[in-house]
Amino acid sequence: AIFDTAVGIRAIEPMGHVRMMAAVQPFLSGAISKTVNMPETATVEEVKEIYFQGWKMGLKALAIYRDNCKVGQPLSDAKAKTEEKVVEVAAESAPLSHPVRKRLPKSRPSSTTSFTVGGAEGYMTAGTYPDGVLGEVFLKLGKQGSTLAGVMDAFSIAVSIGLQYGVPLETYVQKFTNVSFEPAGLTDDKDIRMAKSLMDYIFRRLAIDHLPVETRQALGINTAAERSAALDSSANYPAIAELPVETVAAAAPVVESKPVVIELTVEEAPVAPKQVHSSAELFEMLQGTESDAPLCFNCGIKMRPSGSCHVCEGCGSTSGCS
């Protein structure tokens, strides 16, 4: 029965622990390192009574331990209650959903698009589920083993896993279109003539190929045919009926009147000074000439020559080689 003080099969009541320590305390010079184990239902009054009785019996120190007062403990006095709590927690956490990856079948339809952005050539392969929903994207750009090729491979894997876990393509399009960095500029795609970066072109192309027309137009992405149709529809104004000259003259007869001379003094309005945004524009204004420097792709300010390239004094962008 001596091991009941530790194992707890036939648990000793709290005052029994206090009496055992009180019996040994006169033979010790210091305090006794032993806890008084109390049930989980112990009240504040019961704890106060334990300390009061320990003081009366001459204990030099006393420590209380209430069952389940810690997250983890070596022994538990209420196994059944603990198991019930675990079951309840598991039942409560069951409704919580977690993302599930929907993998593509071994054989799936795909399309490969070759593109050129600012002189950089690449290939994009888009794989879809049997229902036509985009499920993976692979990008091939730069030489094998180069940093750019490795970054694009890793980016492709990240986007593909996101699509398979349910991230909408529309979210990617919203985040990555209009992202600006080099290489940028003209493309060989009739639907996307200019791109601010590789990411801008890639996700515009994916939006055109895999998003509904209404969703694309809400994001400001249209094909060349859609832009042409919009221009044609805006130019089709109703024609004005042409009337004969005689009919117009009869409706508004000419009345002869004496000329009246009115002298007016008109002051010439001062000419507004031309706004100058860069040194290139200032040079043009002073010299009266027009330079062949291009406009900045980001802010529209005329760029100034810098060696064999051009640099923008407004935002710091370059033409790509300086």
Protein backbone atom coordinates (compact mmCIF):
# COMPACT_ATOMS: atom_id res chain seq x y z
CA ALA A 1 0.00 0.00 0.00
CA ILE A 2 3.01 2.28 0.33
CA PHE A 3 3.07 2.80 -3.45
CA ASP A 4 -0.43 4.22 -3.42
CA THR A 5 1.14 7.58 -2.67
CA ALA A 6 2.63 7.64 -6.18
CA VAL A 7 0.62 5.37 -8.45
CA GLY A 8 -2.83 6.41 -7.36
CA ILE A 9 -4.71 3.14 -7.86
CA ARG A 10 -6.06 3.28 -4.29
CA ALA A 11 -5.71 7.01 -3.87
CA ILE A 12 -5.09 8.45 -0.41
CA GLU A 13 -7.24 11.38 0.61
CA PRO A 14 -5.48 14.77 0.76
CA MET A 15 -5.38 14.90 4.57
CA GLY A 16 -3.73 11.47 4.56
CA HIS A 17 -0.77 13.00 2.68
CA VAL A 18 -0.61 15.80 5.25
CA ARG A 19 -0.64 13.37 8.20
CA MET A 20 2.16 11.25 6.65
CA MET A 21 4.38 14.30 6.27
CA ALA A 22 3.52 15.47 9.78
CA ALA A 23 4.65 12.10 11.17
CA VAL A 24 8.05 12.36 9.45
CA GLN A 25 8.68 16.11 9.83
CA PRO A 26 10.12 15.99 13.42
CA PHE A 27 12.96 13.78 12.21
CA LEU A 28 13.98 16.10 9.32
CA SER A 29 15.85 19.39 9.46
CA GLY A 30 14.29 20.71 6.24
CA ALA A 31 11.01 20.65 4.40
CA ILE A 32 9.60 17.53 2.73
CA SER A 33 9.53 17.45 -1.07
CA LYS A 34 6.13 15.89 -1.58
CA THR A 35 2.89 17.18 -3.08
CA VAL A 36 -0.56 16.80 -1.60
CA ASN A 37 -2.61 15.38 -4.45
CA MET A 38 -6.15 16.74 -4.66
CA PRO A 39 -8.96 15.88 -7.08
CA GLU A 40 -9.92 18.13 -9.97
CA THR A 41 -13.10 19.11 -8.12
CA ALA A 42 -11.20 20.58 -5.15
CA THR A 43 -12.50 23.97 -4.01
CA VAL A 44 -10.69 27.01 -2.68
CA GLU A 45 -11.99 26.31 0.83
CA GLU A 46 -10.60 22.76 0.76
CA VAL A 47 -7.19 24.04 -0.32
CA LYS A 48 -7.22 26.60 2.48
CA GLU A 49 -8.10 23.86 4.99
CA ILE A 50 -5.18 21.70 3.80
CA TYR A 51 -2.70 24.56 4.34
CA PHE A 52 -4.21 25.39 7.74
CA GLN A 53 -3.96 21.77 8.94
CA GLY A 54 -0.40 21.50 7.63
CA TRP A 55 0.54 24.58 9.65
CA LYS A 56 -1.08 23.18 12.77
CA MET A 57 0.79 19.87 12.36
CA GLY A 58 4.15 21.63 12.12
CA LEU A 59 5.01 21.16 8.44
CA LYS A 60 7.77 23.46 7.20
CA ALA A 61 6.42 23.50 3.61
CA LEU A 62 3.45 22.18 1.72
CA ALA A 63 2.68 21.98 -2.02
CA ILE A 64 -0.74 21.36 -3.52
CA TYR A 65 -1.28 19.59 -6.87
CA ARG A 66 -4.80 19.53 -8.32
CA ASP A 67 -5.52 16.82 -10.89
CA ASN A 68 -5.47 18.00 -14.56
CA CYS A 69 -4.17 21.45 -13.65
CA LYS A 70 -1.42 21.05 -16.30
CA VAL A 71 -1.61 20.29 -20.00
CA GLY A 72 0.45 17.14 -19.52
CA GLN A 73 1.04 15.10 -16.39
CA PRO A 74 2.63 11.66 -15.74
CA LEU A 75 -0.46 10.16 -14.09
CA SER A 76 -4.15 10.93 -14.28
CA ASP A 77 -6.84 10.16 -11.73
CA ALA A 78 -9.75 10.57 -14.12
CA LYS A 79 -9.01 8.45 -17.19
CA ALA A 80 -12.63 8.02 -18.16
CA LYS A 81 -13.28 11.76 -18.08
CA THR A 82 -10.15 12.43 -20.13
CA GLU A 83 -11.20 9.92 -22.78
CA GLU A 84 -14.64 11.52 -22.97
CA LYS A 85 -13.07 14.95 -23.45
CA VAL A 86 -10.82 13.66 -26.22
CA VAL A 87 -13.81 12.16 -28.01
CA GLU A 88 -15.76 15.40 -27.66
CA VAL A 89 -12.87 17.49 -29.02
CA ALA A 90 -12.47 15.11 -31.96
CA ALA A 91 -16.19 15.32 -32.69
CA GLU A 92 -16.13 19.11 -32.57
CA SER A 93 -13.12 19.38 -34.88
CA ALA A 94 -14.57 17.00 -37.49
CA PRO A 95 -16.63 19.66 -39.35
CA LEU A 96 -13.51 21.75 -40.02
CA SER A 97 -12.61 21.40 -43.68
CA HIS A 98 -9.11 21.37 -45.11
CA PRO A 99 -7.98 21.86 -48.71
CA VAL A 100 -7.83 18.73 -50.80
CA ARG A 101 -5.59 18.48 -53.83
CA LYS A 102 -7.39 17.40 -56.99
CA ARG A 103 -4.73 15.81 -59.14
CA LEU A 104 -4.96 15.68 -62.91
CA PRO A 105 -5.38 12.31 -64.65
CA LYS A 106 -2.33 10.62 -66.12
CA SER A 107 -3.47 11.51 -69.63
CA ARG A 108 -4.89 15.03 -69.93
CA PRO A 109 -5.38 17.56 -72.70
CA SER A 110 -2.87 20.39 -72.95
CA SER A 111 -1.82 23.19 -75.28
CA THR A 112 1.60 24.75 -75.83
CA THR A 113 1.98 28.43 -76.73
CA SER A 114 5.21 29.98 -77.98
CA PHE A 115 5.69 33.66 -77.18
CA THR A 116 8.17 36.51 -77.37
CA VAL A 117 8.20 39.39 -74.87
CA GLY A 118 10.71 42.17 -75.40
CA GLY A 119 12.96 39.84 -77.39
CA ALA A 120 12.82 37.01 -74.82
CA GLU A 121 11.45 33.78 -76.26
CA GLY A 122 9.62 31.14 -74.26
CA TYR A 123 7.04 28.37 -74.26
CA MET A 124 4.00 27.88 -72.04
CA THR A 125 2.20 24.54 -71.68
CA ALA A 126 -1.24 24.60 -70.02
CA GLY A 127 -2.82 21.30 -68.93
CA THR A 128 -6.52 21.01 -68.16
CA TYR A 129 -8.91 18.62 -66.46
CA PRO A 130 -11.33 16.63 -68.65
CA ASP A 131 -13.95 19.35 -68.08
CA GLY A 132 -11.62 22.02 -69.49
CA VAL A 133 -10.65 23.70 -66.18
CA LEU A 134 -6.99 24.74 -65.99
CA GLY A 135 -4.98 22.48 -63.68
CA GLU A 136 -1.28 23.04 -64.41
CA VAL A 137 1.10 25.45 -66.12
CA PHE A 138 4.67 24.79 -67.25
CA LEU A 139 6.99 27.53 -68.48
CA LYS A 140 10.15 27.09 -70.51
CA LEU A 141 12.30 30.21 -70.69
CA GLY A 142 16.02 30.71 -71.04
CA LYS A 143 18.74 28.12 -71.29
CA GLN A 144 18.53 24.94 -69.28
CA GLY A 145 20.39 25.35 -66.00
CA SER A 146 20.20 29.14 -65.95
CA THR A 147 18.83 31.06 -63.00
CA LEU A 148 15.86 32.34 -64.97
CA ALA A 149 14.93 28.84 -66.14
CA GLY A 150 15.11 27.52 -62.58
CA VAL A 151 13.00 30.35 -61.17
CA MET A 152 10.34 29.88 -63.86
CA ASP A 153 10.25 26.12 -63.24
CA ALA A 154 9.73 26.66 -59.51
CA PHE A 155 7.10 29.33 -60.18
CA SER A 156 5.26 26.96 -62.54
CA ILE A 157 5.15 24.23 -59.90
CA ALA A 158 3.83 26.66 -57.27
CA VAL A 159 1.06 27.92 -59.57
CA SER A 160 0.13 24.38 -60.64
CA ILE A 161 -0.16 23.15 -57.04
CA GLY A 162 -2.26 26.19 -56.16
CA LEU A 163 -4.64 25.50 -59.05
CA GLN A 164 -4.99 21.86 -58.00
CA TYR A 165 -5.79 22.92 -54.42
CA GLY A 166 -8.61 25.13 -55.67
CA VAL A 167 -7.07 28.59 -56.05
CA PRO A 168 -9.11 30.26 -58.83
CA LEU A 169 -7.28 31.30 -61.98
CA GLU A 170 -9.00 34.67 -61.68
CA THR A 171 -7.08 35.30 -58.44
CA TYR A 172 -3.75 34.68 -60.16
CA VAL A 173 -4.76 36.96 -63.04
CA GLN A 174 -5.69 39.77 -60.65
CA LYS A 175 -2.38 39.48 -58.79
CA PHE A 176 0.08 39.07 -61.66
CA THR A 177 -1.28 41.18 -64.52
CA ASN A 178 0.24 44.68 -64.81
CA VAL A 179 3.33 43.54 -62.88
CA SER A 180 6.18 45.49 -64.47
CA PHE A 181 9.79 44.35 -64.88
CA GLU A 182 12.22 43.45 -67.65
CA PRO A 183 11.98 41.89 -70.17
CA ALA A 184 8.97 43.89 -71.33
CA GLY A 185 7.67 45.48 -74.51
CA LEU A 186 6.31 44.21 -77.80
CA THR A 187 5.11 40.63 -78.18
CA ASP A 188 4.34 38.42 -81.17
CA ASP A 189 0.79 37.76 -79.92
CA LYS A 190 -1.96 39.51 -81.89
CA ASP A 191 -4.23 39.60 -78.83
CA ILE A 192 -1.58 41.04 -76.48
CA ARG A 193 0.59 43.48 -78.40
CA MET A 194 2.34 44.98 -75.35
CA ALA A 195 3.31 43.34 -72.07
CA LYS A 196 4.82 44.95 -68.99
CA SER A 197 6.62 41.73 -68.01
CA LEU A 198 6.67 38.00 -68.58
CA MET A 199 4.13 37.52 -65.78
CA ASP A 200 1.87 40.14 -67.30
CA TYR A 201 1.85 38.34 -70.65
CA ILE A 202 1.54 34.80 -69.23
CA PHE A 203 -1.52 35.48 -67.11
CA ARG A 204 -3.18 37.63 -69.76
CA ARG A 205 -2.76 34.73 -72.18
CA LEU A 206 -4.12 32.26 -69.62
CA ALA A 207 -7.09 34.55 -68.95
CA ILE A 208 -7.90 34.76 -72.67
CA ASP A 209 -7.65 30.98 -73.07
CA HIS A 210 -9.37 29.77 -69.89
CA LEU A 211 -11.59 32.48 -68.35
CA PRO A 212 -15.14 33.40 -69.43
CA VAL A 213 -15.54 36.52 -71.55
CA GLU A 214 -17.44 38.39 -68.83
CA THR A 215 -14.73 37.69 -66.26
CA ARG A 216 -11.96 38.77 -68.64
CA GLN A 217 -13.70 41.98 -69.60
CA ALA A 218 -14.24 42.82 -65.93
CA LEU A 219 -10.45 42.53 -65.54
CA GLY A 220 -9.83 44.68 -68.64
CA ILE A 221 -8.49 41.82 -70.79
CA ASN A 222 -9.87 41.57 -74.35
CA THR A 223 -8.82 39.83 -77.54
CA ALA A 224 -7.98 41.72 -80.73
CA ALA A 225 -11.32 40.70 -82.26
CA GLU A 226 -13.22 41.96 -79.22
CA ARG A 227 -11.42 45.31 -79.31
CA SER A 228 -12.12 45.69 -83.04
CA ALA A 229 -15.79 44.86 -82.53
CA ALA A 230 -16.03 47.46 -79.76
CA LEU A 231 -14.50 50.13 -82.01
CA ASP A 232 -16.81 49.24 -84.91
CA SER A 233 -19.91 49.38 -82.73
CA SER A 234 -18.95 52.79 -81.33
CA ALA A 235 -18.37 54.17 -84.85
CA ASN A 236 -21.79 53.12 -86.21
CA TYR A 237 -23.75 56.32 -85.55
CA PRO A 238 -27.19 56.79 -87.22
CA ALA A 239 -26.82 58.52 -90.58
CA ILE A 240 -28.27 62.04 -90.94
CA ALA A 241 -30.75 62.33 -93.77
CA GLU A 242 -29.46 64.60 -96.54
CA LEU A 243 -31.93 67.24 -97.77
CA PRO A 244 -31.83 69.07 -101.10
CA VAL A 245 -30.31 72.54 -101.09
CA GLU A 246 -33.56 74.08 -102.38
CA THR A 247 -35.51 72.69 -99.44
CA VAL A 248 -33.03 74.05 -96.94
CA ALA A 249 -32.99 77.48 -98.66
CA ALA A 250 -36.78 77.68 -98.67
CA ALA A 251 -36.95 76.82 -95.00
CA ALA A 252 -34.52 79.64 -94.11
CA PRO A 253 -34.91 82.54 -96.55
CA VAL A 254 -32.05 85.00 -96.85
CA VAL A 255 -32.82 88.46 -95.45
CA GLU A 256 -30.65 91.34 -96.58
CA SER A 257 -29.28 93.45 -93.77
CA LYS A 258 -26.94 96.40 -93.57
CA PRO A 259 -23.48 95.62 -92.32
CA VAL A 260 -22.71 96.91 -88.86
CA VAL A 261 -19.13 97.67 -87.99
CA ILE A 262 -18.18 97.07 -84.39
CA GLU A 263 -14.71 97.85 -83.20
CA LEU A 264 -13.45 95.55 -80.52
CA THR A 265 -10.19 95.67 -78.70
CA VAL A 266 -8.98 92.17 -78.06
CA GLU A 267 -6.06 91.62 -75.79
CA GLU A 268 -3.93 88.68 -76.66
CA ALA A 269 -3.99 86.07 -73.94
CA PRO A 270 -0.59 85.11 -72.59
CA VAL A 271 0.67 81.85 -73.95
CA ALA A 272 0.96 79.23 -71.24
CA PRO A 273 4.54 78.08 -70.84
CA LYS A 274 5.25 74.56 -71.99
CA GLN A 275 5.71 72.13 -69.13
CA VAL A 276 9.07 70.41 -69.06
CA HIS A 277 9.45 67.05 -67.30
CA SER A 278 12.96 65.99 -68.26
CA SER A 279 16.25 67.32 -69.56
CA ALA A 280 15.43 65.88 -72.99
CA GLU A 281 12.24 67.95 -73.20
CA LEU A 282 14.12 71.04 -71.95
CA PHE A 283 16.74 70.57 -74.68
CA GLU A 284 14.00 70.28 -77.31
CA MET A 285 12.34 73.50 -76.10
CA LEU A 286 15.60 75.47 -76.13
CA GLN A 287 16.85 74.14 -79.47
CA GLY A 288 13.48 74.05 -81.19
CA THR A 289 14.12 70.51 -82.42
CA GLU A 290 12.48 67.15 -81.82
CA SER A 291 14.68 64.31 -80.52
CA ASP A 292 14.11 60.66 -81.39
CA ALA A 293 14.17 59.53 -77.74
CA PRO A 294 11.27 57.19 -76.82
CA LEU A 295 8.67 57.80 -74.16
CA CYS A 296 8.96 55.97 -70.85
CA PHE A 297 6.92 52.78 -70.81
CA ASN A 298 5.90 53.35 -67.15
CA CYS A 299 5.25 57.08 -66.71
CA GLY A 300 5.20 58.51 -70.25
CA ILE A 301 8.02 61.06 -69.78
CA LYS A 302 10.47 61.40 -72.66
CA MET A 303 13.66 59.51 -71.86
CA ARG A 304 17.15 60.92 -72.25
CA PRO A 305 20.06 59.20 -74.01
CA SER A 306 22.46 57.28 -71.78
CA GLY A 307 25.20 55.69 -73.82
CA SER A 308 23.58 53.37 -76.31
CA CYS A 309 20.35 53.23 -74.27
CA HIS A 310 17.81 55.61 -72.76
CA VAL A 311 16.91 56.30 -69.15
CA CYS A 312 13.81 57.94 -67.64
CA GLU A 313 14.46 60.82 -65.24
CA GLY A 314 10.97 60.50 -63.79
CA CYS A 315 10.85 56.94 -62.51
CA GLY A 316 14.35 55.62 -63.25
CA SER A 317 13.30 53.02 -65.82
CA THR A 318 15.70 52.14 -68.62
CA SER A 319 15.32 50.83 -72.14
CA GLY A 320 16.84 47.57 -70.99
CA CYS A 321 20.60 47.77 -71.51
CA SER A 322 21.88 50.44 -69.12
